[in-house]
């Protein structure tokens, strides 16, 4: 029973992700007009997470890039591309949320901090220092929009 529930949950999650991807790809958004600060912030977050990943394995960025057969220039281009794609997704999520009046309560935000803190074995205050309120809101809003898209989609089997 547990394995079946996990399989269904994974399939539902994959469908929600695919629906959001389709919504983003169907949105008319000129990526050259994305706010520079948004792309920059997302690219910076991406580079920081990769650097953190490398350091967890005792590698410098140069060592990591060499191991994956990449260059610093290619890595920076990849980060900008990621920043643009995530920026577009964030704008589409916010537009859907606004159009459909999907909002987050302060209680939901605080509850998720508690849940994440418990999952990662830390306290809420420590988590809040590493995960900004804006980042948590973006994450939760994305989940709510994914749920909305799933609940309102006409899904057909192919």
N, C-alpha and C. Protein backbone atom coordinates (compact mmCIF):
# COMPACT_ATOMS: atom_id res chain seq x y z
N UNK A 1 0.83 -1.20 0.00
CA UNK A 1 0.00 0.00 0.00
C UNK A 1 0.87 1.26 0.00
N UNK A 2 1.89 1.30 0.85
CA UNK A 2 2.77 2.47 0.93
C UNK A 2 3.48 2.74 -0.39
N UNK A 3 3.95 1.68 -1.03
CA UNK A 3 4.65 1.81 -2.30
C UNK A 3 3.71 2.36 -3.38
N UNK A 4 2.48 1.88 -3.37
CA UNK A 4 1.48 2.36 -4.33
C UNK A 4 1.16 3.84 -4.09
N UNK A 5 1.04 4.24 -2.83
CA UNK A 5 0.77 5.65 -2.50
C UNK A 5 1.93 6.54 -2.95
N UNK A 6 3.14 6.05 -2.75
CA UNK A 6 4.33 6.80 -3.16
C UNK A 6 4.37 6.95 -4.68
N UNK A 7 4.04 5.89 -5.39
CA UNK A 7 4.01 5.92 -6.85
C UNK A 7 2.97 6.92 -7.35
N UNK A 8 1.78 6.88 -6.76
CA UNK A 8 0.72 7.81 -7.17
C UNK A 8 1.10 9.25 -6.86
N UNK A 9 1.69 9.46 -5.69
CA UNK A 9 2.12 10.80 -5.30
C UNK A 9 3.20 11.33 -6.24
N UNK A 10 4.13 10.48 -6.61
CA UNK A 10 5.19 10.86 -7.54
C UNK A 10 4.61 11.19 -8.92
N UNK A 11 3.66 10.39 -9.36
CA UNK A 11 3.04 10.63 -10.67
C UNK A 11 2.26 11.95 -10.66
N UNK A 12 1.54 12.21 -9.58
CA UNK A 12 0.80 13.46 -9.47
C UNK A 12 1.75 14.65 -9.45
N UNK A 13 2.83 14.52 -8.70
CA UNK A 13 3.82 15.60 -8.63
C UNK A 13 4.44 15.86 -10.00
N UNK A 14 4.74 14.80 -10.73
CA UNK A 14 5.32 14.95 -12.08
C UNK A 14 4.32 15.63 -13.01
N UNK A 15 3.06 15.30 -12.89
CA UNK A 15 2.03 15.94 -13.71
C UNK A 15 1.91 17.42 -13.37
N UNK A 16 1.94 17.75 -12.09
CA UNK A 16 1.88 19.16 -11.68
C UNK A 16 3.07 19.94 -12.23
N UNK A 17 4.24 19.34 -12.17
CA UNK A 17 5.44 20.00 -12.70
C UNK A 17 5.31 20.21 -14.20
N UNK A 18 4.81 19.21 -14.89
CA UNK A 18 4.65 19.31 -16.34
C UNK A 18 3.62 20.39 -16.70
N UNK A 19 2.54 20.48 -15.94
CA UNK A 19 1.53 21.51 -16.20
C UNK A 19 2.12 22.91 -16.01
N UNK A 20 2.92 23.08 -14.97
CA UNK A 20 3.54 24.39 -14.75
C UNK A 20 4.50 24.69 -15.89
N UNK A 21 5.28 23.69 -16.31
CA UNK A 21 6.22 23.87 -17.43
C UNK A 21 5.48 24.32 -18.68
N UNK A 22 4.34 23.68 -18.95
CA UNK A 22 3.55 24.04 -20.13
C UNK A 22 3.00 25.46 -20.01
N UNK A 23 2.54 25.82 -18.83
CA UNK A 23 2.03 27.17 -18.62
C UNK A 23 3.12 28.20 -18.88
N UNK A 24 4.32 27.91 -18.39
CA UNK A 24 5.45 28.83 -18.57
C UNK A 24 5.84 28.90 -20.04
N UNK A 25 5.92 27.75 -20.71
CA UNK A 25 6.34 27.76 -22.11
C UNK A 25 5.29 28.40 -23.02
N UNK A 26 4.02 28.32 -22.62
CA UNK A 26 2.95 28.93 -23.41
C UNK A 26 2.78 30.42 -23.14
N UNK A 27 3.38 30.89 -22.08
CA UNK A 27 3.24 32.31 -21.72
C UNK A 27 4.05 33.16 -22.69
N UNK A 28 3.46 34.27 -23.07
CA UNK A 28 4.21 35.19 -23.94
C UNK A 28 5.00 36.13 -23.04
N UNK A 29 6.26 35.84 -22.94
CA UNK A 29 7.15 36.61 -22.07
C UNK A 29 8.47 36.77 -22.79
N UNK A 30 8.78 37.99 -23.15
CA UNK A 30 10.05 38.27 -23.82
C UNK A 30 11.15 38.22 -22.77
N UNK A 31 11.97 37.14 -22.85
CA UNK A 31 12.99 36.95 -21.82
C UNK A 31 14.01 38.08 -21.80
N UNK A 32 14.14 38.81 -22.89
CA UNK A 32 15.07 39.94 -22.89
C UNK A 32 14.53 41.10 -22.05
N UNK A 33 13.23 41.02 -21.71
CA UNK A 33 12.63 42.09 -20.89
C UNK A 33 12.41 41.67 -19.44
N UNK A 34 12.98 40.53 -19.06
CA UNK A 34 12.90 40.13 -17.66
C UNK A 34 13.69 41.12 -16.82
N UNK A 35 13.23 41.41 -15.61
CA UNK A 35 14.00 42.32 -14.76
C UNK A 35 15.42 41.79 -14.54
N UNK A 36 16.41 42.63 -14.80
CA UNK A 36 17.81 42.23 -14.68
C UNK A 36 18.11 41.74 -13.27
N UNK A 37 17.56 42.41 -12.26
CA UNK A 37 17.82 42.03 -10.88
C UNK A 37 17.32 40.61 -10.60
N UNK A 38 16.18 40.23 -11.22
CA UNK A 38 15.60 38.91 -10.99
C UNK A 38 16.49 37.82 -11.61
N UNK A 39 16.92 38.04 -12.84
CA UNK A 39 17.80 37.09 -13.51
C UNK A 39 19.11 36.97 -12.74
N UNK A 40 19.65 38.11 -12.34
CA UNK A 40 20.92 38.14 -11.62
C UNK A 40 20.82 37.41 -10.28
N UNK A 41 19.74 37.66 -9.56
CA UNK A 41 19.54 37.01 -8.25
C UNK A 41 19.41 35.50 -8.42
N UNK A 42 18.64 35.07 -9.41
CA UNK A 42 18.47 33.63 -9.64
C UNK A 42 19.77 32.98 -10.09
N UNK A 43 20.51 33.65 -10.96
CA UNK A 43 21.80 33.11 -11.43
C UNK A 43 22.77 33.01 -10.27
N UNK A 44 22.79 34.02 -9.42
CA UNK A 44 23.68 34.02 -8.26
C UNK A 44 23.32 32.88 -7.30
N UNK A 45 22.03 32.69 -7.07
CA UNK A 45 21.58 31.60 -6.20
C UNK A 45 22.00 30.25 -6.77
N UNK A 46 21.88 30.10 -8.09
CA UNK A 46 22.27 28.86 -8.76
C UNK A 46 23.77 28.61 -8.57
N UNK A 47 24.57 29.65 -8.82
CA UNK A 47 26.03 29.48 -8.68
C UNK A 47 26.40 29.15 -7.24
N UNK A 48 25.75 29.80 -6.29
CA UNK A 48 26.03 29.52 -4.88
C UNK A 48 25.68 28.08 -4.51
N UNK A 49 24.56 27.59 -5.03
CA UNK A 49 24.17 26.22 -4.69
C UNK A 49 25.14 25.21 -5.31
N UNK A 50 25.61 25.47 -6.52
CA UNK A 50 26.58 24.56 -7.14
C UNK A 50 27.91 24.61 -6.39
N UNK A 51 28.33 25.82 -5.99
CA UNK A 51 29.57 25.96 -5.22
C UNK A 51 29.46 25.23 -3.89
N UNK A 52 28.29 25.33 -3.26
CA UNK A 52 28.06 24.63 -1.99
C UNK A 52 28.11 23.12 -2.20
N UNK A 53 27.49 22.66 -3.28
CA UNK A 53 27.52 21.23 -3.63
C UNK A 53 28.95 20.75 -3.80
N UNK A 54 29.74 21.51 -4.55
CA UNK A 54 31.14 21.14 -4.80
C UNK A 54 31.92 21.08 -3.48
N UNK A 55 31.71 22.07 -2.63
CA UNK A 55 32.46 22.12 -1.38
C UNK A 55 32.08 20.97 -0.44
N UNK A 56 30.83 20.50 -0.52
CA UNK A 56 30.42 19.35 0.29
C UNK A 56 31.23 18.11 -0.06
N UNK A 57 31.74 18.08 -1.29
CA UNK A 57 32.56 16.96 -1.73
C UNK A 57 34.04 17.30 -1.70
N UNK A 58 34.37 18.39 -1.01
CA UNK A 58 35.76 18.77 -0.82
C UNK A 58 36.43 19.27 -2.09
N UNK A 59 35.63 19.84 -2.98
CA UNK A 59 36.17 20.31 -4.26
C UNK A 59 36.08 21.83 -4.35
N UNK A 60 37.07 22.43 -5.00
CA UNK A 60 36.96 23.84 -5.36
C UNK A 60 36.09 23.91 -6.62
N UNK A 61 35.65 25.10 -6.99
CA UNK A 61 34.87 25.24 -8.21
C UNK A 61 35.69 24.85 -9.42
N UNK A 62 36.96 25.21 -9.43
CA UNK A 62 37.81 24.84 -10.56
C UNK A 62 37.88 23.32 -10.71
N UNK A 63 38.03 22.62 -9.59
CA UNK A 63 38.08 21.16 -9.62
C UNK A 63 36.75 20.58 -10.10
N UNK A 64 35.67 21.16 -9.59
CA UNK A 64 34.34 20.68 -9.98
C UNK A 64 34.12 20.88 -11.48
N UNK A 65 34.42 22.08 -11.97
CA UNK A 65 34.22 22.36 -13.39
C UNK A 65 35.08 21.44 -14.27
N UNK A 66 36.29 21.19 -13.82
CA UNK A 66 37.18 20.28 -14.55
C UNK A 66 36.57 18.87 -14.56
N UNK A 67 36.03 18.45 -13.42
CA UNK A 67 35.45 17.11 -13.31
C UNK A 67 34.25 16.92 -14.23
N UNK A 68 33.48 17.98 -14.44
CA UNK A 68 32.31 17.86 -15.32
C UNK A 68 32.61 18.29 -16.75
N UNK A 69 33.86 18.66 -16.99
CA UNK A 69 34.26 19.04 -18.34
C UNK A 69 33.71 20.37 -18.79
N UNK A 70 33.66 21.32 -17.88
CA UNK A 70 33.11 22.64 -18.20
C UNK A 70 34.13 23.73 -17.87
N UNK A 71 33.81 24.94 -18.29
CA UNK A 71 34.67 26.09 -18.00
C UNK A 71 33.88 27.08 -17.15
N UNK A 72 34.59 28.02 -16.56
CA UNK A 72 33.94 29.05 -15.77
C UNK A 72 32.97 29.86 -16.65
N UNK A 73 33.39 30.14 -17.87
CA UNK A 73 32.55 30.91 -18.80
C UNK A 73 31.25 30.15 -19.12
N UNK A 74 31.38 28.85 -19.39
CA UNK A 74 30.19 28.03 -19.68
C UNK A 74 29.29 27.94 -18.45
N UNK A 75 29.89 27.81 -17.29
CA UNK A 75 29.13 27.73 -16.04
C UNK A 75 28.34 29.02 -15.83
N UNK A 76 28.96 30.16 -16.08
CA UNK A 76 28.27 31.45 -15.92
C UNK A 76 27.13 31.60 -16.93
N UNK A 77 27.34 31.13 -18.15
CA UNK A 77 26.27 31.16 -19.16
C UNK A 77 25.11 30.27 -18.73
N UNK A 78 25.44 29.10 -18.21
CA UNK A 78 24.42 28.17 -17.72
C UNK A 78 23.63 28.81 -16.57
N UNK A 79 24.33 29.51 -15.69
CA UNK A 79 23.68 30.17 -14.55
C UNK A 79 22.72 31.26 -15.03
N UNK A 80 23.13 32.03 -16.02
CA UNK A 80 22.26 33.09 -16.56
C UNK A 80 21.03 32.47 -17.23
N UNK A 81 21.23 31.41 -17.99
CA UNK A 81 20.11 30.73 -18.64
C UNK A 81 19.13 30.21 -17.59
N UNK A 82 19.67 29.63 -16.52
CA UNK A 82 18.83 29.17 -15.41
C UNK A 82 18.09 30.35 -14.79
N UNK A 83 18.80 31.45 -14.57
CA UNK A 83 18.20 32.65 -13.99
C UNK A 83 17.06 33.19 -14.82
N UNK A 84 17.23 33.15 -16.15
CA UNK A 84 16.18 33.63 -17.04
C UNK A 84 14.96 32.71 -17.00
N UNK A 85 15.20 31.41 -17.07
CA UNK A 85 14.09 30.45 -17.07
C UNK A 85 13.33 30.51 -15.75
N UNK A 86 14.05 30.55 -14.64
CA UNK A 86 13.39 30.63 -13.34
C UNK A 86 12.67 31.96 -13.19
N UNK A 87 13.27 33.03 -13.68
CA UNK A 87 12.62 34.35 -13.63
C UNK A 87 11.31 34.34 -14.39
N UNK A 88 11.31 33.75 -15.56
CA UNK A 88 10.07 33.65 -16.34
C UNK A 88 9.03 32.85 -15.57
N UNK A 89 9.47 31.73 -14.97
CA UNK A 89 8.54 30.92 -14.19
C UNK A 89 7.96 31.73 -13.03
N UNK A 90 8.80 32.47 -12.33
CA UNK A 90 8.33 33.26 -11.20
C UNK A 90 7.31 34.30 -11.64
N UNK A 91 7.54 34.95 -12.77
CA UNK A 91 6.60 35.96 -13.26
C UNK A 91 5.28 35.32 -13.69
N UNK A 92 5.35 34.15 -14.32
CA UNK A 92 4.14 33.45 -14.74
C UNK A 92 3.35 32.99 -13.51
N UNK A 93 4.05 32.44 -12.52
CA UNK A 93 3.38 32.01 -11.29
C UNK A 93 2.67 33.19 -10.62
N UNK A 94 3.36 34.32 -10.53
CA UNK A 94 2.75 35.50 -9.91
C UNK A 94 1.55 36.00 -10.71
N UNK A 95 1.64 35.94 -12.04
CA UNK A 95 0.53 36.39 -12.88
C UNK A 95 -0.68 35.48 -12.70
N UNK A 96 -0.46 34.16 -12.67
CA UNK A 96 -1.56 33.22 -12.46
C UNK A 96 -2.16 33.43 -11.07
N UNK A 97 -1.31 33.58 -10.08
CA UNK A 97 -1.79 33.78 -8.71
C UNK A 97 -2.64 35.04 -8.61
N UNK A 98 -2.18 36.10 -9.26
CA UNK A 98 -2.93 37.36 -9.23
C UNK A 98 -4.27 37.21 -9.95
N UNK A 99 -4.25 36.61 -11.13
CA UNK A 99 -5.47 36.45 -11.92
C UNK A 99 -6.49 35.55 -11.22
N UNK A 100 -6.00 34.55 -10.52
CA UNK A 100 -6.89 33.58 -9.87
C UNK A 100 -7.08 33.86 -8.38
N UNK A 101 -6.52 34.98 -7.93
CA UNK A 101 -6.64 35.39 -6.52
C UNK A 101 -6.14 34.31 -5.56
N UNK A 102 -4.99 33.73 -5.90
CA UNK A 102 -4.35 32.74 -5.05
C UNK A 102 -3.39 33.49 -4.13
N UNK A 103 -3.61 33.35 -2.84
CA UNK A 103 -2.80 34.08 -1.87
C UNK A 103 -2.24 33.15 -0.82
N UNK A 104 -1.24 33.65 -0.12
CA UNK A 104 -0.63 32.92 0.99
C UNK A 104 -1.00 33.60 2.29
N UNK A 105 -1.32 32.80 3.27
CA UNK A 105 -1.57 33.38 4.59
C UNK A 105 -0.27 33.40 5.39
N UNK A 106 -0.19 34.30 6.34
CA UNK A 106 0.99 34.36 7.21
C UNK A 106 1.12 33.04 7.98
N UNK A 107 -0.02 32.44 8.32
CA UNK A 107 -0.01 31.17 9.03
C UNK A 107 0.60 30.06 8.17
N UNK A 108 0.26 30.03 6.88
CA UNK A 108 0.82 29.01 5.99
C UNK A 108 2.32 29.17 5.86
N UNK A 109 2.77 30.41 5.80
CA UNK A 109 4.20 30.69 5.70
C UNK A 109 4.93 30.18 6.94
N UNK A 110 4.41 30.53 8.10
CA UNK A 110 5.04 30.13 9.35
C UNK A 110 5.00 28.61 9.52
N UNK A 111 3.89 28.00 9.13
CA UNK A 111 3.76 26.54 9.24
C UNK A 111 4.79 25.84 8.37
N UNK A 112 5.03 26.38 7.19
CA UNK A 112 6.03 25.76 6.31
C UNK A 112 7.43 25.93 6.84
N UNK A 113 7.72 27.06 7.46
CA UNK A 113 9.03 27.21 8.11
C UNK A 113 9.20 26.13 9.18
N UNK A 114 8.15 25.87 9.95
CA UNK A 114 8.22 24.85 11.01
C UNK A 114 8.43 23.46 10.41
N UNK A 115 7.70 23.17 9.33
CA UNK A 115 7.82 21.88 8.68
C UNK A 115 9.22 21.67 8.12
N UNK A 116 9.74 22.68 7.41
CA UNK A 116 11.08 22.58 6.84
C UNK A 116 12.14 22.46 7.94
N UNK A 117 11.98 23.24 9.00
CA UNK A 117 12.94 23.19 10.11
C UNK A 117 12.99 21.78 10.70
N UNK A 118 11.82 21.18 10.89
CA UNK A 118 11.77 19.82 11.44
C UNK A 118 12.42 18.83 10.48
N UNK A 119 12.15 18.98 9.17
CA UNK A 119 12.73 18.07 8.18
C UNK A 119 14.25 18.15 8.15
N UNK A 120 14.77 19.36 8.34
CA UNK A 120 16.22 19.55 8.24
C UNK A 120 16.92 19.57 9.59
N UNK A 121 16.17 19.28 10.65
CA UNK A 121 16.77 19.16 11.97
C UNK A 121 17.35 20.46 12.50
N UNK A 122 16.64 21.55 12.28
CA UNK A 122 17.10 22.84 12.76
C UNK A 122 15.91 23.58 13.37
N UNK A 123 16.16 24.78 13.88
CA UNK A 123 15.06 25.56 14.42
C UNK A 123 14.62 26.60 13.39
N UNK A 124 13.43 27.14 13.59
CA UNK A 124 12.84 28.07 12.64
C UNK A 124 13.70 29.32 12.46
N UNK A 125 14.24 29.87 13.54
CA UNK A 125 15.05 31.09 13.42
C UNK A 125 16.29 30.87 12.57
N UNK A 126 16.94 29.73 12.75
CA UNK A 126 18.13 29.41 11.95
C UNK A 126 17.73 29.25 10.49
N UNK A 127 16.63 28.57 10.23
CA UNK A 127 16.16 28.38 8.86
C UNK A 127 15.84 29.72 8.21
N UNK A 128 15.21 30.61 8.95
CA UNK A 128 14.85 31.92 8.40
C UNK A 128 16.09 32.75 8.01
N UNK A 129 17.20 32.48 8.65
CA UNK A 129 18.44 33.18 8.29
C UNK A 129 18.98 32.70 6.95
N UNK A 130 18.71 31.44 6.60
CA UNK A 130 19.24 30.91 5.34
C UNK A 130 18.20 30.86 4.22
N UNK A 131 16.91 30.89 4.57
CA UNK A 131 15.84 30.89 3.56
C UNK A 131 14.98 32.12 3.81
N UNK A 132 15.14 33.10 2.94
CA UNK A 132 14.42 34.37 3.14
C UNK A 132 12.91 34.17 3.03
N UNK A 133 12.19 35.10 3.60
CA UNK A 133 10.73 35.05 3.52
C UNK A 133 10.28 35.11 2.06
N UNK A 134 10.95 35.91 1.26
CA UNK A 134 10.60 36.02 -0.16
C UNK A 134 10.79 34.70 -0.89
N UNK A 135 11.89 34.01 -0.59
CA UNK A 135 12.16 32.71 -1.21
C UNK A 135 11.10 31.69 -0.80
N UNK A 136 10.75 31.68 0.48
CA UNK A 136 9.73 30.75 0.97
C UNK A 136 8.37 31.08 0.34
N UNK A 137 8.05 32.36 0.23
CA UNK A 137 6.78 32.75 -0.40
C UNK A 137 6.73 32.31 -1.86
N UNK A 138 7.84 32.51 -2.59
CA UNK A 138 7.90 32.08 -3.99
C UNK A 138 7.67 30.57 -4.09
N UNK A 139 8.33 29.83 -3.21
CA UNK A 139 8.20 28.38 -3.21
C UNK A 139 6.74 27.96 -2.95
N UNK A 140 6.15 28.53 -1.92
CA UNK A 140 4.78 28.15 -1.56
C UNK A 140 3.77 28.59 -2.61
N UNK A 141 3.97 29.77 -3.17
CA UNK A 141 3.07 30.25 -4.21
C UNK A 141 3.16 29.33 -5.44
N UNK A 142 4.36 28.90 -5.77
CA UNK A 142 4.54 27.98 -6.88
C UNK A 142 3.78 26.68 -6.63
N UNK A 143 3.87 26.17 -5.41
CA UNK A 143 3.13 24.94 -5.07
C UNK A 143 1.62 25.15 -5.21
N UNK A 144 1.13 26.29 -4.74
CA UNK A 144 -0.31 26.58 -4.82
C UNK A 144 -0.76 26.73 -6.27
N UNK A 145 0.05 27.38 -7.09
CA UNK A 145 -0.30 27.54 -8.50
C UNK A 145 -0.26 26.18 -9.20
N UNK A 146 0.73 25.35 -8.89
CA UNK A 146 0.78 24.00 -9.46
C UNK A 146 -0.49 23.23 -9.10
N UNK A 147 -0.91 23.33 -7.83
CA UNK A 147 -2.14 22.66 -7.39
C UNK A 147 -3.35 23.19 -8.16
N UNK A 148 -3.40 24.51 -8.32
CA UNK A 148 -4.50 25.13 -9.06
C UNK A 148 -4.54 24.61 -10.50
N UNK A 149 -3.39 24.59 -11.16
CA UNK A 149 -3.33 24.11 -12.54
C UNK A 149 -3.78 22.66 -12.63
N UNK A 150 -3.33 21.84 -11.69
CA UNK A 150 -3.69 20.42 -11.67
C UNK A 150 -5.19 20.25 -11.45
N UNK A 151 -5.74 20.99 -10.48
CA UNK A 151 -7.16 20.86 -10.15
C UNK A 151 -8.05 21.34 -11.29
N UNK A 152 -7.55 22.22 -12.15
CA UNK A 152 -8.36 22.80 -13.21
C UNK A 152 -8.00 22.31 -14.61
N UNK A 153 -7.04 21.40 -14.70
CA UNK A 153 -6.61 20.90 -16.00
C UNK A 153 -7.54 19.80 -16.50
N UNK A 154 -7.64 19.74 -17.80
CA UNK A 154 -8.34 18.63 -18.44
C UNK A 154 -7.24 17.71 -18.94
N UNK A 155 -6.94 16.69 -18.14
CA UNK A 155 -5.83 15.79 -18.43
C UNK A 155 -6.35 14.60 -19.21
N UNK A 156 -5.71 14.35 -20.35
CA UNK A 156 -6.08 13.19 -21.16
C UNK A 156 -4.87 12.27 -21.25
N UNK A 157 -5.15 10.99 -21.36
CA UNK A 157 -4.06 10.02 -21.48
C UNK A 157 -3.67 9.92 -22.94
N UNK A 158 -2.37 9.84 -23.19
CA UNK A 158 -1.88 9.74 -24.57
C UNK A 158 -1.29 8.39 -24.82
